[in-house]
Amino acid sequence: MAAFSPPPGTADIFPAEAGSWRFLENTAAKVFSAYGYGELRTPVFEYTEVFQRGLGGETEVVQKEMYTFEDRGGRSLTLRPEGTAGVMRALTNTDVANGSEQRVFYYGPMFRGERPSAGRRRQFHQIGVENVGRCAPLIDAECIAMLHNYLRAIGITGAVFTVNTRGVMDDRPPAEAMLREYFSGHIDAMCPDCRTRLDRNIWRILDCKQEACGRIITEAPDYSQCFSAASREYFAAVQEALTRLGVPFRVDSRLVRGLDYYVHTVFEVTHPGLGGQIAIAGGGRYELFLPGEKKPLPGVGFAAGVERLLMVREALGVPAPSVAVAGAFLIGLDAASRMANLVLADRLRAAGIRVELELEERSFKSQMRSANRCGAVCALIRGDSEMARGVAILKNMADGTQVEVPEDRLFEAISQRMA
């Protein structure tokens, strides 16, 4: 049978890798729960307007990267390119619009039609959090500190935290005018994308990774001078809180993030293990309009790329989580013993003991090889002669010693061996 690869930009996750994925997810649940966050699961596709309205129609995600299709009723649906918009849509069914605070975390696949490369897939996975309903600089700082603590909990050290402020919506027009005046004088030397961004979304110029553009961007004026005193004080309070919490960070006015909904604090985390140019996590404070609401709902959150976290752990030499081995392997040499082993395995598993066994007719040597491969602590062996005498042979796989055990004591003997 011919082998088929998964579609470009996707990957199969086999059992040997799945343990590391589960470790990241379980650790996220443990760390985030300590901050009062609960798990929320949303659909992998939403009505397209959820993302158009939430992310902004001029963002590159909406313009170029979404997987959109029509259902049988003609409604436009989109595979989620990120988690925040769907979470906010779900929270419309709570009392968060009335001023209550909702703290949730999530993990799962996201989809973007990007060119596949190292650390960049079309189906990728994120672990994220959203704190919705309240707005304060200390909430932003706590969110960043929680991400810092999560990275430490999964063995990632040396991450670089970069922060910046986007101000509030009323700060944007004068800041945009300052940037447009500056970049207009240099736009002929910039890349085609930046030429388009000059009129469409000038903030995206600051995020350009082209070397020629980077030199021009570095000399751009400090647009935060156009922000109100209240916005600057907000950002100063975030920085003070991060310092008090022991979170190392640097300020970079080029950091704007790629979505229109951000206000005040934005942040990004990179790591030298990925060359320092690829973000492993990022987020910030945002304002989103819920359907039917005239006032935007405030929130702050972040998302971390699971594939990229795993790449950093590998670069750092962090050992993979230990995989549970089979506690016992049951070997049957005839039909009657295989049936008896099936029943015994069911009892052992109900008691929390991991058991593997051969249910097909296989030779003794073949079954012993299987017991070795799965890392069994002990092997239980019985055939027609053992069945006739009402016993089984219990073999210690570490030293090869073996004893005969009466059939009515097999459960007890294997349970004691596992203990």
Protein backbone atom coordinates (compact mmCIF):
# COMPACT_ATOMS: atom_id res chain seq x y z
CA MET A 1 0.00 0.00 0.00
CA ALA A 2 1.40 3.42 -0.97
CA ALA A 3 2.29 5.77 1.88
CA PHE A 4 0.51 9.12 1.97
CA SER A 5 1.97 12.19 3.63
CA PRO A 6 -0.31 14.62 5.43
CA PRO A 7 -1.15 17.85 3.54
CA PRO A 8 1.62 20.46 3.41
CA GLY A 9 1.82 22.47 6.59
CA THR A 10 0.29 19.73 8.74
CA ALA A 11 1.82 16.86 10.68
CA ASP A 12 0.91 13.58 12.33
CA ILE A 13 1.62 13.36 16.06
CA PHE A 14 2.59 9.83 17.02
CA PRO A 15 2.49 8.29 20.53
CA ALA A 16 6.22 8.89 21.11
CA GLU A 17 5.64 12.65 20.69
CA ALA A 18 2.17 12.87 22.22
CA GLY A 19 3.55 12.59 25.75
CA SER A 20 5.36 15.92 25.34
CA TRP A 21 2.20 17.56 23.99
CA ARG A 22 0.18 16.23 26.91
CA PHE A 23 2.82 17.52 29.35
CA LEU A 24 2.54 21.06 27.95
CA GLU A 25 -1.26 20.94 28.14
CA ASN A 26 -1.40 19.44 31.64
CA THR A 27 1.17 21.93 32.96
CA ALA A 28 -0.82 24.79 31.43
CA ALA A 29 -3.95 23.59 33.22
CA LYS A 30 -2.04 23.38 36.51
CA VAL A 31 -0.35 26.79 36.26
CA PHE A 32 -3.32 28.71 34.89
CA SER A 33 -5.74 27.15 37.37
CA ALA A 34 -3.61 28.54 40.19
CA TYR A 35 -4.47 32.02 38.85
CA GLY A 36 -8.19 31.28 38.78
CA TYR A 37 -8.52 30.36 35.09
CA GLY A 38 -10.91 27.64 33.91
CA GLU A 39 -10.79 25.68 30.67
CA LEU A 40 -13.00 26.76 27.75
CA ARG A 41 -13.42 24.73 24.54
CA THR A 42 -14.80 26.43 21.45
CA PRO A 43 -15.54 25.09 17.92
CA VAL A 44 -12.67 24.89 15.44
CA PHE A 45 -14.78 26.89 12.95
CA GLU A 46 -16.93 29.97 13.44
CA TYR A 47 -19.06 32.23 11.30
CA THR A 48 -16.61 34.30 9.26
CA GLU A 49 -17.85 37.60 10.66
CA VAL A 50 -16.59 36.57 14.11
CA PHE A 51 -13.04 36.95 12.82
CA GLN A 52 -13.69 39.82 10.41
CA ARG A 53 -15.24 41.88 13.18
CA GLY A 54 -12.89 40.70 15.92
CA LEU A 55 -9.53 40.83 14.15
CA GLY A 56 -10.15 43.73 11.77
CA GLY A 57 -10.87 43.51 8.07
CA GLU A 58 -7.52 45.08 7.10
CA THR A 59 -5.31 42.62 9.00
CA GLU A 60 -3.20 40.22 6.96
CA VAL A 61 -4.78 37.26 8.76
CA VAL A 62 -8.23 38.23 7.46
CA GLN A 63 -7.01 39.45 4.07
CA LYS A 64 -4.71 36.56 3.14
CA GLU A 65 -4.59 33.64 5.56
CA MET A 66 -8.05 32.41 6.54
CA TYR A 67 -9.57 29.12 5.39
CA THR A 68 -13.14 30.13 4.54
CA PHE A 69 -15.97 28.07 3.05
CA GLU A 70 -19.76 28.04 2.83
CA ASP A 71 -22.08 25.66 4.64
CA ARG A 72 -25.15 24.14 2.96
CA GLY A 73 -27.22 27.15 3.92
CA GLY A 74 -24.84 29.57 2.25
CA ARG A 75 -23.40 30.98 5.49
CA SER A 76 -19.70 31.77 5.38
CA LEU A 77 -17.65 29.75 7.88
CA THR A 78 -13.94 29.99 8.71
CA LEU A 79 -11.53 27.62 10.41
CA ARG A 80 -10.27 29.54 13.42
CA PRO A 81 -6.96 31.33 12.69
CA GLU A 82 -6.56 32.28 16.38
CA GLY A 83 -8.35 31.73 19.65
CA THR A 84 -9.38 35.11 21.06
CA ALA A 85 -12.29 35.97 18.74
CA GLY A 86 -13.99 32.62 19.30
CA VAL A 87 -13.52 32.88 23.05
CA MET A 88 -15.08 36.34 23.07
CA ARG A 89 -17.98 35.07 20.98
CA ALA A 90 -18.53 32.29 23.51
CA LEU A 91 -18.43 34.73 26.42
CA THR A 92 -21.40 36.61 24.98
CA ASN A 93 -23.40 33.81 26.60
CA THR A 94 -22.18 34.83 30.07
CA ASP A 95 -22.70 37.97 32.15
CA VAL A 96 -19.27 39.34 31.21
CA ALA A 97 -20.89 42.26 29.35
CA ASN A 98 -22.33 43.38 32.71
CA GLY A 99 -18.90 43.86 34.27
CA SER A 100 -18.06 40.41 35.60
CA GLU A 101 -14.57 39.04 35.09
CA GLN A 102 -14.04 35.83 33.14
CA ARG A 103 -10.69 34.00 33.24
CA VAL A 104 -10.38 31.13 30.77
CA PHE A 105 -7.67 29.10 29.10
CA TYR A 106 -7.78 26.93 25.99
CA TYR A 107 -5.68 24.73 23.76
CA GLY A 108 -6.23 23.27 20.33
CA PRO A 109 -5.55 23.56 16.60
CA MET A 110 -5.60 26.83 14.62
CA PHE A 111 -5.47 27.23 10.83
CA ARG A 112 -3.76 29.77 8.58
CA GLY A 113 -2.93 29.58 4.89
CA GLU A 114 0.73 30.52 5.29
CA ARG A 115 3.80 29.25 3.49
CA PRO A 116 5.00 26.28 5.60
CA SER A 117 8.44 26.65 7.19
CA ALA A 118 10.26 25.75 10.38
CA GLY A 119 7.93 26.58 13.27
CA ARG A 120 5.17 27.74 10.91
CA ARG A 121 2.40 25.36 9.86
CA ARG A 122 -1.00 25.69 8.26
CA GLN A 123 -2.51 23.65 11.06
CA PHE A 124 -0.73 24.66 14.23
CA HIS A 125 -1.62 24.44 17.88
CA GLN A 126 -1.85 27.05 20.58
CA ILE A 127 -2.18 27.21 24.34
CA GLY A 128 -3.78 30.48 25.35
CA VAL A 129 -5.55 32.46 28.05
CA GLU A 130 -8.05 35.32 28.10
CA ASN A 131 -8.92 37.53 31.08
CA VAL A 132 -12.05 39.39 29.99
CA GLY A 133 -14.19 42.11 31.53
CA ARG A 134 -11.73 44.25 33.49
CA CYS A 135 -8.97 46.72 32.55
CA ALA A 136 -6.02 47.60 34.79
CA PRO A 137 -2.23 47.68 34.32
CA LEU A 138 -1.73 45.18 37.15
CA ILE A 139 -3.98 42.68 35.37
CA ASP A 140 -1.74 42.99 32.29
CA ALA A 141 1.38 42.47 34.40
CA GLU A 142 -0.11 39.44 36.15
CA CYS A 143 -0.94 37.90 32.76
CA ILE A 144 2.65 38.35 31.54
CA ALA A 145 4.03 36.97 34.81
CA MET A 146 1.78 33.92 34.47
CA LEU A 147 3.24 33.25 31.03
CA HIS A 148 6.74 33.65 32.47
CA ASN A 149 5.95 31.12 35.20
CA TYR A 150 4.43 28.69 32.70
CA LEU A 151 7.57 28.73 30.55
CA ARG A 152 9.69 27.99 33.60
CA ALA A 153 7.35 25.15 34.58
CA ILE A 154 7.88 23.44 31.20
CA GLY A 155 11.65 23.85 31.39
CA ILE A 156 12.13 26.86 29.10
CA THR A 157 14.69 29.34 30.38
CA GLY A 158 16.38 32.23 28.60
CA ALA A 159 13.22 33.52 26.91
CA VAL A 160 13.22 37.21 25.95
CA PHE A 161 10.12 39.20 26.94
CA THR A 162 9.49 42.32 24.84
CA VAL A 163 6.74 44.79 25.74
CA ASN A 164 5.30 47.94 24.23
CA THR A 165 2.21 50.13 24.35
CA ARG A 166 -0.34 50.73 21.58
CA GLY A 167 -2.08 53.47 23.57
CA VAL A 168 -5.85 53.68 23.19
CA MET A 169 -7.93 54.18 20.05
CA ASP A 170 -8.06 57.96 20.54
CA ASP A 171 -4.23 58.01 20.53
CA ARG A 172 -4.01 56.43 17.10
CA PRO A 173 -4.78 59.29 14.65
CA PRO A 174 -1.93 61.63 15.71
CA ALA A 175 0.49 58.70 16.03
CA GLU A 176 -0.46 57.42 12.59
CA ALA A 177 -0.01 60.88 11.11
CA MET A 178 3.50 61.07 12.58
CA LEU A 179 4.42 57.65 11.20
CA ARG A 180 2.89 58.33 7.78
CA GLU A 181 4.80 61.57 7.41
CA TYR A 182 8.07 59.80 8.24
CA PHE A 183 7.59 56.66 6.12
CA SER A 184 6.29 58.63 3.13
CA GLY A 185 9.77 60.05 2.71
CA HIS A 186 11.35 56.55 2.64
CA ILE A 187 8.67 54.39 1.08
CA ASP A 188 10.39 54.07 -2.33
CA ALA A 189 13.22 52.16 -0.62
CA MET A 190 10.90 49.79 1.22
CA CYS A 191 9.42 46.42 0.26
CA PRO A 192 6.18 46.08 -1.77
CA ASP A 193 4.22 44.96 1.30
CA CYS A 194 5.22 48.08 3.21
CA ARG A 195 4.22 50.28 0.29
CA THR A 196 0.75 48.78 0.51
CA ARG A 197 0.70 49.10 4.31
CA LEU A 198 1.45 52.84 4.14
CA ASP A 199 -2.18 53.53 3.25
CA ARG A 200 -3.91 50.35 4.40
CA ASN A 201 -2.43 49.72 7.88
CA ILE A 202 0.66 51.74 8.70
CA TRP A 203 1.22 49.95 12.02
CA ARG A 204 2.11 46.78 10.13
CA ILE A 205 5.16 48.54 8.68
CA LEU A 206 6.70 48.52 12.15
CA ASP A 207 6.43 44.72 12.17
CA CYS A 208 8.21 44.18 8.83
CA LYS A 209 11.11 41.71 8.98
CA GLN A 210 12.80 42.76 5.71
CA GLU A 211 16.35 43.93 6.36
CA ALA A 212 16.13 47.03 4.15
CA CYS A 213 12.89 48.08 5.83
CA GLY A 214 14.30 47.34 9.27
CA ARG A 215 17.01 50.00 8.94
CA ILE A 216 14.39 52.62 8.07
CA ILE A 217 12.02 51.50 10.83
CA THR A 218 14.78 51.77 13.42
CA GLU A 219 15.03 55.52 12.74
CA ALA A 220 11.27 56.11 12.98
CA PRO A 221 10.15 58.78 15.49
CA ASP A 222 8.79 57.81 18.89
CA TYR A 223 5.07 57.78 18.16
CA SER A 224 4.23 57.22 21.84
CA GLN A 225 4.91 60.95 22.31
CA CYS A 226 1.51 61.42 20.68
CA PHE A 227 -0.21 59.27 23.31
CA SER A 228 -2.13 60.80 26.19
CA ALA A 229 -0.58 61.15 29.62
CA ALA A 230 -3.01 58.52 30.90
CA SER A 231 -1.80 55.99 28.31
CA ARG A 232 1.84 56.61 29.17
CA GLU A 233 1.10 56.28 32.89
CA TYR A 234 -0.72 53.00 32.25
CA PHE A 235 2.33 51.55 30.51
CA ALA A 236 4.66 52.82 33.25
CA ALA A 237 2.53 51.01 35.84
CA VAL A 238 2.78 47.76 33.84
CA GLN A 239 6.57 48.05 33.72
CA GLU A 240 6.81 48.76 37.45
CA ALA A 241 4.65 45.73 38.28
CA LEU A 242 6.74 43.44 36.04
CA THR A 243 9.89 44.64 37.76
CA ARG A 244 8.36 43.99 41.18
CA LEU A 245 7.30 40.49 40.02
CA GLY A 246 10.84 39.67 38.84
CA VAL A 247 9.91 39.29 35.16
CA PRO A 248 12.81 40.42 32.94
CA PHE A 249 11.69 42.46 29.94
CA ARG A 250 12.76 45.04 27.39
CA VAL A 251 10.73 47.78 25.71
CA ASP A 252 10.63 47.91 21.91
CA SER A 253 8.56 50.58 20.14
CA ARG A 254 8.58 48.44 16.96
CA LEU A 255 6.44 45.79 18.63
CA VAL A 256 2.82 46.34 17.60
CA ARG A 257 1.46 42.81 17.05
CA GLY A 258 -0.54 42.07 13.93
CA LEU A 259 -4.18 42.54 14.95
CA ASP A 260 -6.23 45.72 15.11
CA TYR A 261 -7.91 45.04 18.44
CA TYR A 262 -4.84 45.68 20.63
CA VAL A 263 -4.73 48.67 22.99
CA HIS A 264 -2.31 49.57 25.78
CA THR A 265 0.04 46.67 26.55
CA VAL A 266 1.35 44.33 23.88
CA PHE A 267 4.05 41.74 24.45
CA GLU A 268 5.95 39.01 22.66
CA VAL A 269 8.30 36.23 23.75
CA THR A 270 11.19 35.01 21.61
CA HIS A 271 14.01 32.59 22.32
CA PRO A 272 17.60 32.36 21.03
CA GLY A 273 16.99 28.65 20.42
CA LEU A 274 14.80 29.63 17.45
CA GLY A 275 17.16 32.32 16.22
CA GLY A 276 15.48 35.12 18.15
CA GLN A 277 13.20 36.13 15.23
CA ILE A 278 10.35 33.67 15.72
CA ALA A 279 7.90 34.37 18.53
CA ILE A 280 7.03 31.45 20.78
CA ALA A 281 4.23 33.38 22.49
CA GLY A 282 2.60 36.78 22.39
CA GLY A 283 -0.45 38.76 23.30
CA GLY A 284 -1.66 41.91 24.95
CA ARG A 285 -4.61 43.99 26.01
CA TYR A 286 -7.46 44.39 23.55
CA GLU A 287 -10.94 45.76 23.02
CA LEU A 288 -13.52 43.76 21.07
CA PHE A 289 -17.09 44.60 20.15
CA LEU A 290 -19.56 41.83 20.96
CA PRO A 291 -22.51 41.35 18.62
CA GLY A 292 -25.23 43.86 19.43
CA GLU A 293 -23.04 45.85 21.85
CA LYS A 294 -22.10 49.51 21.31
CA LYS A 295 -19.33 49.50 23.91
CA PRO A 296 -16.20 47.37 23.41
CA LEU A 297 -15.37 44.66 25.93
CA PRO A 298 -11.86 44.80 27.44
CA GLY A 299 -9.59 41.82 27.84
CA VAL A 300 -5.98 40.72 28.02
CA GLY A 301 -4.44 37.41 27.05
CA PHE A 302 -1.79 35.53 25.18
CA ALA A 303 -1.26 32.48 23.01
CA ALA A 304 1.81 30.25 22.86
CA GLY A 305 2.61 28.04 19.87
CA VAL A 306 2.86 24.43 20.99
CA GLU A 307 5.10 23.37 18.09
CA ARG A 308 7.48 26.23 18.85
CA LEU A 309 7.56 25.48 22.57
CA LEU A 310 8.56 21.92 21.73
CA MET A 311 11.29 23.20 19.39
CA VAL A 312 12.74 25.39 22.16
CA ARG A 313 12.66 22.54 24.69
CA GLU A 314 14.55 20.40 22.19
CA ALA A 315 17.09 23.18 21.54
CA LEU A 316 17.66 23.51 25.29
CA GLY A 317 18.09 19.77 25.69
CA VAL A 318 15.13 19.48 28.05
CA PRO A 319 14.37 15.75 28.36
CA ALA A 320 11.02 14.55 27.13
CA PRO A 321 8.56 13.52 29.86
CA SER A 322 8.91 9.90 30.84
CA VAL A 323 6.45 7.65 29.06
CA ALA A 324 4.57 5.18 31.18
CA VAL A 325 5.69 1.60 30.51
CA ALA A 326 3.56 -1.49 30.63
CA GLY A 327 3.42 -2.82 34.14
CA ALA A 328 2.82 -6.39 33.06
CA PHE A 329 2.75 -8.41 29.85
CA LEU A 330 0.51 -11.47 29.78
CA ILE A 331 1.68 -14.33 27.57
CA GLY A 332 -0.75 -17.03 26.50
CA LEU A 333 0.41 -20.13 24.61
CA ASP A 334 -3.01 -21.52 23.67
CA ALA A 335 -6.60 -20.39 23.21
CA ALA A 336 -7.68 -21.13 26.79
CA SER A 337 -4.77 -19.21 28.34
CA ARG A 338 -5.31 -16.24 26.04
CA MET A 339 -8.94 -16.07 27.13
CA ALA A 340 -7.91 -16.32 30.80
CA ASN A 341 -5.32 -13.57 30.26
CA LEU A 342 -7.94 -11.32 28.68
CA VAL A 343 -10.12 -11.61 31.79
CA LEU A 344 -7.15 -11.08 34.16
CA ALA A 345 -6.00 -8.01 32.18
CA ASP A 346 -9.45 -6.47 32.59
CA ARG A 347 -9.26 -6.86 36.39
CA LEU A 348 -5.71 -5.46 36.57
CA ARG A 349 -6.57 -2.43 34.42
CA ALA A 350 -9.60 -1.69 36.58
CA ALA A 351 -7.15 -1.52 39.50
CA GLY A 352 -5.03 1.06 37.64
CA ILE A 353 -2.29 -1.27 36.42
CA ARG A 354 -1.12 -0.90 32.85
CA VAL A 355 -1.23 -4.25 31.05
CA GLU A 356 -0.39 -5.42 27.56
CA LEU A 357 -0.94 -8.89 26.18
CA GLU A 358 -0.93 -10.88 22.98
CA LEU A 359 -4.42 -11.90 21.87
CA GLU A 360 -3.32 -13.42 18.58
CA GLU A 361 -1.71 -16.85 18.24
CA ARG A 362 2.02 -16.08 18.41
CA SER A 363 5.10 -18.06 19.43
CA PHE A 364 6.54 -17.82 22.92
CA LYS A 365 9.72 -16.11 21.62
CA SER A 366 7.69 -13.55 19.69
CA GLN A 367 5.62 -12.71 22.76
CA MET A 368 8.72 -12.36 24.94
CA ARG A 369 10.18 -9.91 22.40
CA SER A 370 6.98 -7.89 22.67
CA ALA A 371 7.25 -7.90 26.47
CA ASN A 372 10.80 -6.54 26.23
CA ARG A 373 9.89 -3.87 23.67
CA CYS A 374 7.09 -2.44 25.80
CA GLY A 375 9.30 -2.25 28.89
CA ALA A 376 7.20 -4.57 31.05
CA VAL A 377 8.23 -5.00 34.67
CA CYS A 378 7.06 -8.60 34.72
CA ALA A 379 5.66 -11.22 32.36
CA LEU A 380 2.99 -13.74 33.21
CA ILE A 381 3.31 -16.96 31.20
CA ARG A 382 0.83 -19.79 30.91
CA GLY A 383 -0.10 -22.47 28.41
CA ASP A 384 -2.07 -25.73 28.46
CA SER A 385 0.12 -27.37 31.13
CA GLU A 386 -0.04 -24.36 33.48
CA MET A 387 -3.80 -24.08 32.90
CA ALA A 388 -4.23 -27.77 33.74
CA ARG A 389 -2.32 -27.31 37.02
CA GLY A 390 -4.04 -24.04 37.92
CA VAL A 391 -0.82 -21.99 37.99
CA ALA A 392 1.08 -19.42 35.95
CA ILE A 393 4.75 -18.45 35.74
CA LEU A 394 5.58 -14.90 36.87
CA LYS A 395 8.88 -13.71 35.41
CA ASN A 396 10.85 -10.68 36.59
CA MET A 397 11.96 -8.98 33.37
CA ALA A 398 14.85 -7.17 35.04
CA ASP A 399 16.79 -10.22 36.32
CA GLY A 400 15.03 -13.14 34.62
CA THR A 401 13.98 -14.87 37.85
CA GLN A 402 10.62 -16.59 37.81
CA VAL A 403 8.20 -18.24 40.21
CA GLU A 404 5.04 -20.29 39.93
CA VAL A 405 1.93 -18.58 41.27
CA PRO A 406 -1.45 -20.26 41.92
CA GLU A 407 -4.20 -18.99 39.65
CA ASP A 408 -6.24 -17.60 42.55
CA ARG A 409 -3.27 -15.42 43.61
CA LEU A 410 -2.28 -13.99 40.21
CA PHE A 411 -4.05 -10.68 40.71
CA GLU A 412 -2.48 -10.19 44.13
CA ALA A 413 1.00 -11.26 42.97
CA ILE A 414 1.08 -8.87 39.98
CA SER A 415 -0.37 -6.01 42.05
CA GLN A 416 2.35 -6.51 44.67
CA ARG A 417 5.06 -6.64 41.98
CA MET A 418 3.84 -3.34 40.54
CA ALA A 419 3.89 -1.75 44.00
